[in-house]
Amino acid sequence: MEAPEMSGVNPEKDMKSSGTVLLGDFVFSLQTNELRDGLGDVVRLRSQSSEVLAYLAARHGETVSKAELFESVWDKKFVTDDSLTQCIADIRRALHDTDHGIVQTLPKKGYRLIATSDGTPHQAQKIRHYPTSRAGLIGLVLTIVLLGFGLFWIASNDGDPIDATSTELPLPAKPSIAVLAFEDHSVGDDVGYLSDAIAEGVIADLSRFPELFVIARNSSFSFRNRPTDVKAISKALGVRYLLEGSQQKSDDRLRVTIQLIDAVQGHNLWSQVYNSDLSDVFAVQDEIVRKTAATVAQKVMNFEGQKVIASDEATLTALLLNLKARQHLFDFTPEGNEKARQANLAAIKADPMAPFGYVGLTFVHINKYRWGWTDRDPILELNAAREYARKAVEIAPDYYDSHSAMAYLHIQEGDLEKAVARYKQALELNPNDTGAMASLAEALTYGGLAEDAEDLMLKVIRLDPLHQDWIKWNLAWVQWHTRNCDDALQTMNAMSEIPPMALRVLAIIQICRGRTDEANEAVGRLLQFDPQYSLAQVRHNYDGKYKNISDFERVLSNLRDAGLPE
């Protein structure tokens, strides 16, 4: 059925013939590739982001694959998915599309742009048609008077936008966070533009973690220019954590200060200062957003897991039980692994349709298979891990960690191609999951791409500077493969505590450095933990994983030189 016509004009037909596409409160010109806001001002986009938007706008309502966009915008040049992801994020920020209602992601298919289709004239067009008649002029004057009175009333009302004394929302079952509007201490016509873009970007990226409850921009930004009473805001929004920040721009330099607060306790959990050169403002913006989102997400989830370690499992949700299990899993001991197993089983009992427990049990049984922490045939542990991974993907195909669990299983099976594909799928769902990046680096190393893996691990550390110790363990192992052994030793020594199984890596690093005595000492500590450990178990651990047999033989040779028995 055709859209109703107004004044003899079909708005949808007119939109297409005039070469413009209506996108909420914005208009995009297909002729000039310019995006304009409701006042008719040009909204700045990077050139590639503008080209992506132009391609989607010309096909609005249609599904456009990634391959099409890569071919059209990058002319078949090799680029990573990150380039397209950043363009999409840039477009969404410009359109204030925090709920992805305008630029939709269709998993495994691509993207779809949803244009305004109700025939309502765009705000920019309405604003530009100033009244010329006397009656219209009087109406305009009255509007300005009323608007001025309204602004006076708002300015004179110094109460909170939400009366926290009368409205107190309960905390959600998930770890909850609100990102407040960042203060901008800069001067100039663009004050607030970049600070809002950074805060909005953090909100969008944190929302990719389904483990978190993230307050929408409209609510969290309503406290702008108000004195910050963290406990009152926490009660008004019903969140435990607040992220607040400020920025100051001076010439071509930018300083952004961010802090994470436990608003219930009133404690500062983390803070960071970013000092950047503004030669590429969008690159700076993306870097700050990604670093902040990755660090804050992991910090909140780890903090929640630590809080519930001693809690009664009967009182916890499936997610909190899984966060508790992760803390035990990171002990990398048989005892910690068993505690993680029990907590993940309790998570499934608490909610059989949540993926968290199944994901957790995948890793538990892989540990039992890899490290020999079982009294039965290790193949049975691998089979159990496979069943749990399949269940996680079946229940939650859009949960990034379901695919990470399946990818890690593929590594144990020696199917590196499938592992890499699954990790890429996980990172498409959540580009800020540093755990998936670090595990992808492991798969790349087995595949003979240790240099690429080291670059990826260094990116992980940049994104998540407060990373857990297993990240350092992984990086040191990769650095040994690139024969960057002095840096590998420095990485290992930066760990708060070296788990017993990581002593294998320490030993081969010392052999690489020509320090046989130190290597022997590391193996001696490993054998104190597990007197039966031998090269036979190492062979089982790495069976079928290495693409280049020479890499595997180097591992065995170094451990043999370090004194590990056959």
Protein backbone atom coordinates (compact mmCIF):
# COMPACT_ATOMS: atom_id res chain seq x y z
CA MET A 1 0.00 0.00 0.00
CA GLU A 2 1.38 3.43 -0.96
CA ALA A 3 2.22 6.00 1.69
CA PRO A 4 -0.45 8.73 2.08
CA GLU A 5 0.31 11.87 0.13
CA MET A 6 0.52 15.33 1.68
CA SER A 7 -0.11 18.40 -0.52
CA GLY A 8 0.02 16.15 -3.55
CA VAL A 9 3.54 14.90 -2.77
CA ASN A 10 4.53 11.40 -1.71
CA PRO A 11 7.26 12.04 0.93
CA GLU A 12 8.97 8.69 0.36
CA LYS A 13 9.07 9.18 -3.38
CA ASP A 14 10.24 12.77 -2.96
CA MET A 15 13.00 11.62 -0.59
CA LYS A 16 14.44 9.21 -3.15
CA SER A 17 14.12 11.52 -6.14
CA SER A 18 15.79 14.40 -4.30
CA GLY A 19 18.81 12.25 -3.38
CA THR A 20 18.35 12.56 0.38
CA VAL A 21 17.68 9.94 3.04
CA LEU A 22 15.98 10.77 6.34
CA LEU A 23 17.66 9.12 9.35
CA GLY A 24 15.80 10.03 12.52
CA ASP A 25 16.66 13.68 13.19
CA PHE A 26 19.28 13.75 10.44
CA VAL A 27 19.39 14.03 6.64
CA PHE A 28 22.01 12.37 4.48
CA SER A 29 22.64 13.66 0.95
CA LEU A 30 23.48 11.00 -1.61
CA GLN A 31 24.79 13.72 -3.93
CA THR A 32 27.31 15.31 -1.56
CA ASN A 33 27.75 12.47 0.99
CA GLU A 34 27.01 15.01 3.74
CA LEU A 35 25.13 14.27 6.95
CA ARG A 36 23.23 17.22 8.43
CA ASP A 37 21.50 17.59 11.78
CA GLY A 38 18.15 19.17 12.64
CA LEU A 39 19.60 22.68 12.36
CA GLY A 40 21.06 22.00 8.96
CA ASP A 41 24.64 21.87 10.24
CA VAL A 42 27.06 19.36 8.76
CA VAL A 43 27.90 16.45 11.09
CA ARG A 44 31.53 15.47 10.73
CA LEU A 45 32.35 11.93 9.64
CA ARG A 46 35.58 10.30 8.57
CA SER A 47 35.81 9.89 4.81
CA GLN A 48 35.55 6.09 4.98
CA SER A 49 32.63 6.31 7.43
CA SER A 50 30.91 8.69 5.03
CA GLU A 51 31.44 6.25 2.15
CA VAL A 52 30.04 3.37 4.20
CA LEU A 53 27.00 5.48 5.12
CA ALA A 54 26.54 6.50 1.47
CA TYR A 55 26.58 2.87 0.34
CA LEU A 56 24.08 1.84 3.02
CA ALA A 57 21.88 4.90 2.40
CA ALA A 58 21.66 4.17 -1.32
CA ARG A 59 20.34 0.72 -0.35
CA HIS A 60 18.38 1.61 2.79
CA GLY A 61 16.06 -1.13 3.93
CA GLU A 62 18.23 -3.76 2.22
CA THR A 63 20.73 -6.13 3.82
CA VAL A 64 24.26 -5.24 2.77
CA SER A 65 27.01 -7.79 3.34
CA LYS A 66 30.45 -7.02 4.70
CA ALA A 67 31.95 -8.26 1.45
CA GLU A 68 29.99 -5.63 -0.51
CA LEU A 69 31.17 -2.86 1.79
CA PHE A 70 34.79 -3.98 1.68
CA GLU A 71 34.67 -4.11 -2.13
CA SER A 72 32.94 -0.76 -2.50
CA VAL A 73 34.72 1.33 0.14
CA TRP A 74 38.16 -0.28 0.27
CA ASP A 75 38.29 -1.43 -3.37
CA LYS A 76 39.18 -5.03 -2.38
CA LYS A 77 42.25 -3.89 -0.42
CA PHE A 78 43.08 -6.09 2.56
CA VAL A 79 41.68 -4.59 5.75
CA THR A 80 40.54 -6.18 8.99
CA ASP A 81 36.96 -6.29 10.24
CA ASP A 82 37.97 -3.61 12.75
CA SER A 83 38.08 -0.99 9.98
CA LEU A 84 34.44 -1.59 9.08
CA THR A 85 33.38 -1.97 12.73
CA GLN A 86 34.91 1.42 13.55
CA CYS A 87 33.08 3.04 10.61
CA ILE A 88 29.77 1.58 11.76
CA ALA A 89 30.44 2.78 15.34
CA ASP A 90 31.34 6.23 13.97
CA ILE A 91 28.05 6.42 12.02
CA ARG A 92 26.01 5.29 15.02
CA ARG A 93 27.62 7.88 17.27
CA ALA A 94 26.92 10.62 14.73
CA LEU A 95 23.25 9.55 14.47
CA HIS A 96 22.92 9.07 18.26
CA ASP A 97 21.90 5.52 17.35
CA THR A 98 22.71 3.99 20.74
CA ASP A 99 20.07 1.25 20.41
CA HIS A 100 21.19 0.32 16.85
CA GLY A 101 17.70 1.01 15.54
CA ILE A 102 18.94 2.95 12.49
CA VAL A 103 22.06 0.99 11.63
CA GLN A 104 21.14 -2.60 12.33
CA THR A 105 23.63 -5.48 12.61
CA LEU A 106 22.37 -8.73 11.13
CA PRO A 107 24.62 -11.55 12.45
CA LYS A 108 26.27 -13.57 9.66
CA LYS A 109 24.53 -11.36 7.06
CA GLY A 110 25.78 -7.78 7.32
CA TYR A 111 24.14 -4.44 8.02
CA ARG A 112 20.86 -2.71 7.20
CA LEU A 113 20.11 1.02 7.31
CA ILE A 114 16.57 1.92 8.38
CA ALA A 115 15.47 5.27 6.97
CA THR A 116 12.56 7.35 8.25
CA SER A 117 9.55 6.11 6.32
CA ASP A 118 6.51 7.69 8.00
CA GLY A 119 6.45 10.68 5.68
CA THR A 120 7.14 13.10 8.53
CA PRO A 121 9.17 16.06 7.25
CA HIS A 122 12.66 16.16 8.70
CA GLN A 123 13.28 18.52 11.56
CA ALA A 124 15.90 20.34 9.51
CA GLN A 125 13.31 21.15 6.85
CA LYS A 126 10.74 22.32 9.40
CA ILE A 127 13.22 24.64 11.13
CA ARG A 128 14.23 26.26 7.89
CA HIS A 129 10.64 27.30 6.95
CA TYR A 130 10.42 30.46 9.03
CA PRO A 131 6.91 32.07 9.23
CA THR A 132 6.45 35.16 7.03
CA SER A 133 2.83 36.10 7.75
CA ARG A 134 1.88 38.41 10.61
CA ALA A 135 0.07 35.60 12.40
CA GLY A 136 3.09 33.38 11.94
CA LEU A 137 5.36 36.10 13.29
CA ILE A 138 3.19 36.56 16.36
CA GLY A 139 3.23 32.81 16.89
CA LEU A 140 7.00 32.77 16.64
CA VAL A 141 7.31 35.58 19.20
CA LEU A 142 4.97 33.78 21.62
CA THR A 143 6.98 30.59 21.15
CA ILE A 144 10.22 32.41 21.95
CA VAL A 145 8.66 34.02 25.06
CA LEU A 146 7.37 30.67 26.31
CA LEU A 147 10.69 29.01 25.54
CA GLY A 148 12.51 31.75 27.43
CA PHE A 149 10.20 31.29 30.42
CA GLY A 150 10.79 27.57 30.30
CA LEU A 151 14.55 28.02 30.21
CA PHE A 152 14.31 30.46 33.15
CA TRP A 153 12.30 27.90 35.13
CA ILE A 154 14.84 25.15 34.37
CA ALA A 155 17.77 27.39 35.28
CA SER A 156 16.13 28.40 38.55
CA ASN A 157 15.25 24.83 39.49
CA ASP A 158 18.39 23.49 41.17
CA GLY A 159 16.90 20.13 42.10
CA ASP A 160 18.18 16.86 40.67
CA PRO A 161 16.66 15.82 37.32
CA ILE A 162 15.43 12.72 39.11
CA ASP A 163 14.43 13.18 42.72
CA ALA A 164 16.56 10.53 44.34
CA THR A 165 14.74 10.93 47.65
CA SER A 166 11.44 9.77 46.17
CA THR A 167 12.73 7.45 43.42
CA GLU A 168 15.05 4.65 44.42
CA LEU A 169 15.43 1.82 41.94
CA PRO A 170 16.66 -1.59 43.09
CA LEU A 171 19.97 -2.91 41.79
CA PRO A 172 19.57 -5.37 38.88
CA ALA A 173 20.70 -8.98 39.12
CA LYS A 174 23.56 -8.18 36.74
CA PRO A 175 26.51 -5.92 37.54
CA SER A 176 25.09 -2.49 36.65
CA ILE A 177 26.78 0.66 35.39
CA ALA A 178 25.92 4.14 34.15
CA VAL A 179 28.28 6.28 32.07
CA LEU A 180 27.72 9.93 32.96
CA ALA A 181 28.21 12.78 30.49
CA PHE A 182 31.86 13.79 30.53
CA GLU A 183 32.70 17.33 31.56
CA ASP A 184 34.42 19.39 28.87
CA HIS A 185 36.78 22.07 30.16
CA SER A 186 37.85 23.09 26.67
CA VAL A 187 36.98 26.36 24.93
CA GLY A 188 35.67 26.81 21.40
CA ASP A 189 32.64 26.17 19.25
CA ASP A 190 32.94 22.39 19.47
CA VAL A 191 32.80 22.12 23.26
CA GLY A 192 31.00 18.94 24.28
CA TYR A 193 31.15 17.30 20.85
CA LEU A 194 34.12 15.03 21.43
CA SER A 195 33.41 14.43 25.14
CA ASP A 196 29.87 13.29 24.32
CA ALA A 197 31.15 11.11 21.49
CA ILE A 198 33.60 9.39 23.84
CA ALA A 199 31.00 8.80 26.56
CA GLU A 200 28.43 7.55 24.02
CA GLY A 201 31.03 5.26 22.49
CA VAL A 202 31.82 3.74 25.88
CA ILE A 203 28.09 3.15 26.49
CA ALA A 204 27.74 1.42 23.12
CA ASP A 205 30.82 -0.76 23.63
CA LEU A 206 29.92 -1.73 27.21
CA SER A 207 26.50 -2.75 25.92
CA ARG A 208 28.22 -5.49 23.91
CA PHE A 209 28.90 -7.30 27.20
CA PRO A 210 25.63 -9.11 28.05
CA GLU A 211 27.07 -9.74 31.53
CA LEU A 212 26.51 -6.04 32.28
CA PHE A 213 23.38 -3.93 32.78
CA VAL A 214 24.19 -0.60 31.08
CA ILE A 215 21.96 2.45 31.55
CA ALA A 216 20.88 4.20 28.33
CA ARG A 217 22.41 7.54 27.37
CA ASN A 218 19.26 9.63 27.87
CA SER A 219 19.04 8.67 31.54
CA SER A 220 22.73 8.81 32.42
CA PHE A 221 23.27 12.11 30.58
CA SER A 222 20.36 13.76 32.43
CA PHE A 223 22.76 14.53 35.30
CA ARG A 224 24.88 16.78 33.10
CA ASN A 225 26.03 20.04 34.74
CA ARG A 226 24.80 18.94 38.15
CA PRO A 227 26.88 18.41 41.29
CA THR A 228 27.90 14.75 41.38
CA ASP A 229 26.39 12.95 44.37
CA VAL A 230 27.34 9.41 43.40
CA LYS A 231 25.11 7.69 45.95
CA ALA A 232 22.05 9.73 44.93
CA ILE A 233 22.66 9.04 41.23
CA SER A 234 23.19 5.35 42.01
CA LYS A 235 19.82 5.18 43.75
CA ALA A 236 18.04 7.18 41.06
CA LEU A 237 19.34 5.03 38.20
CA GLY A 238 19.44 1.74 40.10
CA VAL A 239 23.11 1.00 39.38
CA ARG A 240 26.11 0.09 41.49
CA TYR A 241 28.90 1.49 39.30
CA LEU A 242 29.33 4.94 37.77
CA LEU A 243 31.85 5.96 35.15
CA GLU A 244 32.56 9.65 35.04
CA GLY A 245 35.14 11.67 33.16
CA SER A 246 36.36 15.00 31.94
CA GLN A 247 38.36 16.27 29.01
CA GLN A 248 40.40 19.34 28.15
CA LYS A 249 41.58 20.24 24.68
CA SER A 250 44.43 22.66 24.08
CA ASP A 251 45.55 23.29 20.50
CA ASP A 252 46.36 19.80 19.15
CA ARG A 253 46.57 18.07 22.53
CA LEU A 254 43.79 16.27 24.39
CA ARG A 255 43.67 15.09 27.99
CA VAL A 256 40.84 12.80 29.10
CA THR A 257 40.46 11.70 32.73
CA ILE A 258 38.15 8.79 33.57
CA GLN A 259 37.28 7.10 36.85
CA LEU A 260 35.18 4.09 37.80
CA ILE A 261 33.31 4.39 41.10
CA ASP A 262 31.55 1.87 43.29
CA ALA A 263 28.72 4.26 44.08
CA VAL A 264 27.19 2.07 46.80
CA GLN A 265 30.41 2.05 48.82
CA GLY A 266 31.68 5.40 47.56
CA HIS A 267 35.04 3.89 46.51
CA ASN A 268 37.12 4.77 43.46
CA LEU A 269 37.95 1.43 41.79
CA TRP A 270 40.00 2.61 38.83
CA SER A 271 41.13 5.80 37.13
CA GLN A 272 43.03 6.57 33.98
CA VAL A 273 44.41 9.69 32.26
CA TYR A 274 44.78 9.66 28.48
CA ASN A 275 47.08 12.23 26.87
CA SER A 276 46.81 12.24 23.08
CA ASP A 277 47.80 14.10 19.95
CA LEU A 278 44.71 15.22 18.01
CA SER A 279 46.20 14.79 14.54
CA ASP A 280 43.50 12.16 13.91
CA VAL A 281 40.63 12.95 16.24
CA PHE A 282 38.58 9.90 15.28
CA ALA A 283 41.45 7.50 15.87
CA VAL A 284 42.03 9.08 19.29
CA GLN A 285 38.34 8.83 20.09
CA ASP A 286 38.16 5.16 19.07
CA GLU A 287 41.29 4.28 21.06
CA ILE A 288 39.99 5.90 24.25
CA VAL A 289 36.56 4.30 23.86
CA ARG A 290 37.91 0.80 23.25
CA LYS A 291 40.52 0.94 26.02
CA THR A 292 38.00 2.26 28.53
CA ALA A 293 35.25 -0.22 27.65
CA ALA A 294 37.58 -3.23 27.73
CA THR A 295 39.18 -2.23 31.04
CA VAL A 296 35.95 -1.24 32.79
CA ALA A 297 34.06 -4.38 31.71
CA GLN A 298 36.78 -6.71 32.97
CA LYS A 299 37.29 -4.67 36.15
CA VAL A 300 33.59 -4.78 37.04
CA MET A 301 33.21 -8.50 36.28
CA ASN A 302 36.35 -9.41 38.23
CA PHE A 303 35.29 -7.26 41.17
CA GLU A 304 31.85 -8.88 41.22
CA GLY A 305 33.44 -12.33 41.07
CA GLN A 306 35.75 -11.55 43.98
CA LYS A 307 32.86 -10.22 46.07
CA VAL A 308 30.85 -13.44 45.80
CA ILE A 309 33.71 -15.91 46.42
CA ALA A 310 32.55 -16.54 49.99
CA SER A 311 28.81 -16.11 49.28
CA ASP A 312 26.16 -18.79 49.71
CA GLU A 313 25.67 -20.21 46.21
CA ALA A 314 21.95 -20.68 46.82
CA THR A 315 21.54 -16.88 46.89
CA LEU A 316 23.40 -16.14 43.65
CA THR A 317 22.22 -15.79 40.04
CA ALA A 318 23.65 -17.91 37.22
CA LEU A 319 25.83 -14.99 36.07
CA LEU A 320 27.26 -14.30 39.53
CA LEU A 321 27.96 -17.99 40.02
CA ASN A 322 29.86 -18.01 36.74
CA LEU A 323 31.83 -14.89 37.74
CA LYS A 324 32.70 -16.69 40.98
CA ALA A 325 33.79 -19.75 38.97
CA ARG A 326 36.09 -17.60 36.82
CA GLN A 327 38.01 -16.49 39.90
CA HIS A 328 38.62 -20.13 40.87
CA LEU A 329 39.48 -21.09 37.29
CA PHE A 330 42.24 -18.46 37.19
CA ASP A 331 44.01 -20.25 40.06
CA PHE A 332 45.12 -22.83 37.48
CA THR A 333 45.22 -25.61 40.07
CA PRO A 334 43.22 -28.86 40.30
CA GLU A 335 41.53 -27.54 43.46
CA GLY A 336 40.56 -24.26 41.82
CA ASN A 337 39.32 -26.11 38.76
CA GLU A 338 37.06 -28.30 40.90
CA LYS A 339 35.64 -25.26 42.70
CA ALA A 340 34.97 -23.69 39.30
CA ARG A 341 33.19 -26.87 38.20
CA GLN A 342 30.92 -26.83 41.25
CA ALA A 343 30.08 -23.14 40.83
CA ASN A 344 29.26 -23.58 37.13
CA LEU A 345 27.04 -26.58 37.87
CA ALA A 346 25.23 -24.38 40.39
CA ALA A 347 24.88 -21.71 37.68
CA ILE A 348 23.13 -24.20 35.38
CA LYS A 349 20.86 -25.26 38.23
CA ALA A 350 20.00 -21.61 38.93
CA ASP A 351 19.13 -20.97 35.27
CA PRO A 352 19.37 -23.86 32.78
CA MET A 353 18.61 -21.52 29.88
CA ALA A 354 21.51 -19.13 30.60
CA PRO A 355 24.77 -19.85 28.74
CA PHE A 356 27.18 -18.88 31.53
CA GLY A 357 27.46 -22.23 33.30
CA TYR A 358 27.86 -24.18 30.06
CA VAL A 359 30.62 -21.83 28.89
CA GLY A 360 32.38 -22.17 32.24
CA LEU A 361 32.20 -25.96 32.22
CA THR A 362 33.71 -26.05 28.74
CA PHE A 363 36.87 -24.47 30.10
CA VAL A 364 36.81 -26.61 33.26
CA HIS A 365 36.79 -29.87 31.28
CA ILE A 366 39.39 -28.59 28.83
CA ASN A 367 41.67 -27.93 31.82
CA LYS A 368 41.05 -31.48 33.04
CA TYR A 369 41.89 -32.78 29.56
CA ARG A 370 44.97 -30.59 28.99
CA TRP A 371 46.61 -30.82 32.37
CA GLY A 372 45.63 -34.36 33.29
CA TRP A 373 43.53 -33.25 36.28
CA THR A 374 41.25 -36.28 36.00
CA ASP A 375 41.07 -39.90 37.07
CA ARG A 376 39.37 -41.05 33.88
CA ASP A 377 40.32 -41.18 30.21
CA PRO A 378 41.18 -37.58 29.16
CA ILE A 379 39.18 -38.07 25.94
CA LEU A 380 36.04 -38.23 28.10
CA GLU A 381 36.87 -34.76 29.44
CA LEU A 382 37.29 -33.44 25.90
CA ASN A 383 33.94 -34.98 24.94
CA ALA A 384 32.29 -33.34 27.95
CA ALA A 385 33.80 -29.96 26.98
CA ARG A 386 32.43 -30.40 23.45
CA GLU A 387 28.89 -31.07 24.72
CA TYR A 388 28.94 -28.03 27.00
CA ALA A 389 30.29 -25.78 24.23
CA ARG A 390 27.59 -26.96 21.84
CA LYS A 391 24.93 -26.32 24.46
CA ALA A 392 26.22 -22.78 25.07
CA VAL A 393 26.10 -21.94 21.35
CA GLU A 394 22.66 -23.55 21.02
CA ILE A 395 21.22 -21.54 23.92
CA ALA A 396 22.94 -18.24 23.16
CA PRO A 397 24.23 -17.98 19.58
CA ASP A 398 24.61 -14.20 19.98
CA TYR A 399 26.69 -14.44 23.17
CA TYR A 400 30.34 -13.82 22.33
CA ASP A 401 31.71 -16.15 25.01
CA SER A 402 29.71 -19.11 23.65
CA HIS A 403 31.81 -18.87 20.49
CA SER A 404 35.03 -18.33 22.46
CA ALA A 405 34.36 -21.56 24.34
CA MET A 406 33.75 -23.44 21.10
CA ALA A 407 36.89 -21.90 19.59
CA TYR A 408 39.03 -23.04 22.52
CA LEU A 409 37.61 -26.54 22.09
CA HIS A 410 38.65 -26.46 18.41
CA ILE A 411 42.22 -25.62 19.50
CA GLN A 412 42.29 -28.78 21.66
CA GLU A 413 40.98 -30.77 18.70
CA GLY A 414 43.79 -29.39 16.52
CA ASP A 415 41.37 -27.67 14.13
CA LEU A 416 43.03 -24.24 14.02
CA GLU A 417 41.04 -23.02 11.03
CA LYS A 418 37.75 -23.53 12.84
CA ALA A 419 39.20 -22.02 16.02
CA VAL A 420 40.26 -18.82 14.25
CA ALA A 421 36.87 -18.53 12.53
CA ARG A 422 35.03 -18.92 15.84
CA TYR A 423 37.21 -16.34 17.57
CA LYS A 424 36.55 -13.89 14.75
CA GLN A 425 32.82 -14.54 15.23
CA ALA A 426 33.16 -13.85 18.96
CA LEU A 427 35.03 -10.60 18.27
CA GLU A 428 32.42 -9.55 15.74
CA LEU A 429 29.83 -9.86 18.50
CA ASN A 430 32.09 -8.10 21.02
CA PRO A 431 35.19 -6.40 19.58
CA ASN A 432 36.38 -5.47 23.09
CA ASP A 433 36.64 -9.01 24.47
CA THR A 434 40.34 -9.15 25.27
CA GLY A 435 40.00 -12.76 26.44
CA ALA A 436 38.99 -13.84 22.94
CA MET A 437 41.85 -11.81 21.45
CA ALA A 438 44.40 -13.46 23.75
CA SER A 439 43.10 -16.95 22.96
CA LEU A 440 43.07 -16.14 19.25
CA ALA A 441 46.76 -15.28 19.66
CA GLU A 442 47.30 -18.80 21.02
CA ALA A 443 45.66 -20.29 17.93
CA LEU A 444 47.76 -18.07 15.64
CA THR A 445 50.94 -19.18 17.42
CA TYR A 446 50.13 -22.85 16.93
CA GLY A 447 49.51 -22.02 13.27
CA GLY A 448 53.02 -20.63 12.81
CA LEU A 449 52.01 -16.95 13.00
CA ALA A 450 53.74 -16.06 16.25
CA GLU A 451 54.70 -12.54 15.10
CA ASP A 452 51.03 -11.74 14.38
CA ALA A 453 50.11 -13.30 17.70
CA GLU A 454 52.60 -11.10 19.57
CA ASP A 455 51.16 -7.97 17.93
CA LEU A 456 47.68 -9.08 18.96
CA MET A 457 48.78 -9.76 22.55
CA LEU A 458 50.35 -6.30 22.79
CA LYS A 459 47.03 -4.89 21.57
CA VAL A 460 45.26 -6.82 24.36
CA ILE A 461 47.53 -5.25 26.95
CA ARG A 462 46.97 -1.78 25.50
CA LEU A 463 43.21 -2.29 25.59
CA ASP A 464 43.17 -3.84 29.07
CA PRO A 465 46.13 -2.55 31.10
CA LEU A 466 44.66 -4.10 34.27
CA HIS A 467 44.62 -7.56 32.68
CA GLN A 468 44.81 -10.73 34.73
CA ASP A 469 47.99 -12.77 35.10
CA TRP A 470 47.04 -15.41 32.54
CA ILE A 471 47.33 -12.71 29.85
CA LYS A 472 50.98 -12.21 30.79
CA TRP A 473 51.51 -15.97 30.76
CA ASN A 474 50.09 -16.11 27.24
CA LEU A 475 52.20 -13.18 26.03
CA ALA A 476 55.42 -14.67 27.47
CA TRP A 477 54.68 -17.98 25.72
CA VAL A 478 54.14 -16.16 22.41
CA GLN A 479 57.33 -14.13 22.91
CA TRP A 480 59.29 -17.34 23.40
CA HIS A 481 58.05 -18.48 19.99
CA THR A 482 59.30 -15.23 18.42
CA ARG A 483 62.61 -15.75 20.29
CA ASN A 484 62.02 -12.50 22.10
CA CYS A 485 63.12 -14.24 25.27
CA ASP A 486 64.43 -11.33 27.36
CA ASP A 487 61.07 -9.58 27.02
CA ALA A 488 59.35 -12.91 27.72
CA LEU A 489 61.19 -13.20 31.05
CA GLN A 490 60.24 -9.64 31.93
CA THR A 491 56.61 -10.46 31.12
CA MET A 492 56.65 -13.55 33.36
CA ASN A 493 58.27 -11.68 36.24
CA ALA A 494 55.50 -9.06 36.06
CA MET A 495 52.95 -11.70 37.14
CA SER A 496 51.74 -11.34 40.72
CA GLU A 497 52.22 -15.09 41.14
CA ILE A 498 53.37 -17.68 38.60
CA PRO A 499 50.98 -20.67 38.57
CA PRO A 500 52.65 -24.09 38.73
CA MET A 501 51.81 -25.02 35.12
CA ALA A 502 53.28 -21.72 33.88
CA LEU A 503 56.66 -22.84 35.21
CA ARG A 504 57.04 -24.83 31.97
CA VAL A 505 57.08 -21.55 30.07
CA LEU A 506 59.50 -20.00 32.52
CA ALA A 507 61.84 -22.98 32.05
CA ILE A 508 61.93 -22.80 28.24
CA ILE A 509 62.41 -19.03 28.40
CA GLN A 510 65.48 -19.51 30.59
CA ILE A 511 66.88 -22.16 28.19
CA CYS A 512 66.30 -19.70 25.35
CA ARG A 513 68.36 -17.16 27.33
CA GLY A 514 71.13 -19.70 27.99
CA ARG A 515 70.35 -19.86 31.72
CA THR A 516 70.26 -23.62 32.37
CA ASP A 517 70.48 -23.32 36.17
CA GLU A 518 67.44 -21.05 36.34
CA ALA A 519 65.60 -23.40 33.96
CA ASN A 520 66.41 -26.39 36.19
CA GLU A 521 65.12 -24.46 39.21
CA ALA A 522 61.81 -23.74 37.43
CA VAL A 523 61.35 -27.42 36.52
CA GLY A 524 62.19 -28.39 40.09
CA ARG A 525 59.36 -26.18 41.37
CA LEU A 526 57.01 -27.72 38.79
CA LEU A 527 57.89 -31.25 39.95
CA GLN A 528 57.29 -30.27 43.58
CA PHE A 529 53.73 -29.37 42.53
CA ASP A 530 53.28 -32.52 40.40
CA PRO A 531 56.04 -35.15 40.91
CA GLN A 532 54.63 -37.27 38.06
CA TYR A 533 54.77 -34.54 35.43
CA SER A 534 56.89 -35.47 32.40
CA LEU A 535 57.49 -34.87 28.72
CA ALA A 536 54.84 -37.50 28.00
CA GLN A 537 52.23 -35.16 29.46
CA VAL A 538 53.64 -32.26 27.47
CA ARG A 539 53.22 -34.31 24.31
CA HIS A 540 49.60 -34.99 25.25
CA ASN A 541 49.02 -31.31 25.95
CA TYR A 542 50.28 -30.20 22.55
CA ASP A 543 49.18 -33.22 20.53
CA GLY A 544 48.01 -32.19 17.05
CA LYS A 545 48.11 -28.45 17.74
CA TYR A 546 51.32 -27.27 16.10
CA LYS A 547 51.24 -26.70 12.36
CA ASN A 548 55.06 -26.58 12.27
CA ILE A 549 56.49 -29.70 13.91
CA SER A 550 59.79 -27.85 14.43
CA ASP A 551 58.07 -25.53 16.92
CA PHE A 552 56.80 -28.52 18.88
CA GLU A 553 60.22 -30.18 18.82
CA ARG A 554 61.79 -26.98 20.15
CA VAL A 555 59.38 -27.05 23.13
CA LEU A 556 60.31 -30.64 23.94
CA SER A 557 64.03 -30.01 23.48
CA ASN A 558 64.04 -26.97 25.76
CA LEU A 559 62.09 -28.78 28.50
CA ARG A 560 64.40 -31.78 28.20
CA ASP A 561 67.40 -29.45 28.59
CA ALA A 562 65.70 -27.91 31.62
CA GLY A 563 65.57 -31.32 33.30
CA LEU A 564 61.99 -32.47 32.76
CA PRO A 565 61.99 -36.31 32.67
CA GLU A 566 60.73 -38.33 29.73
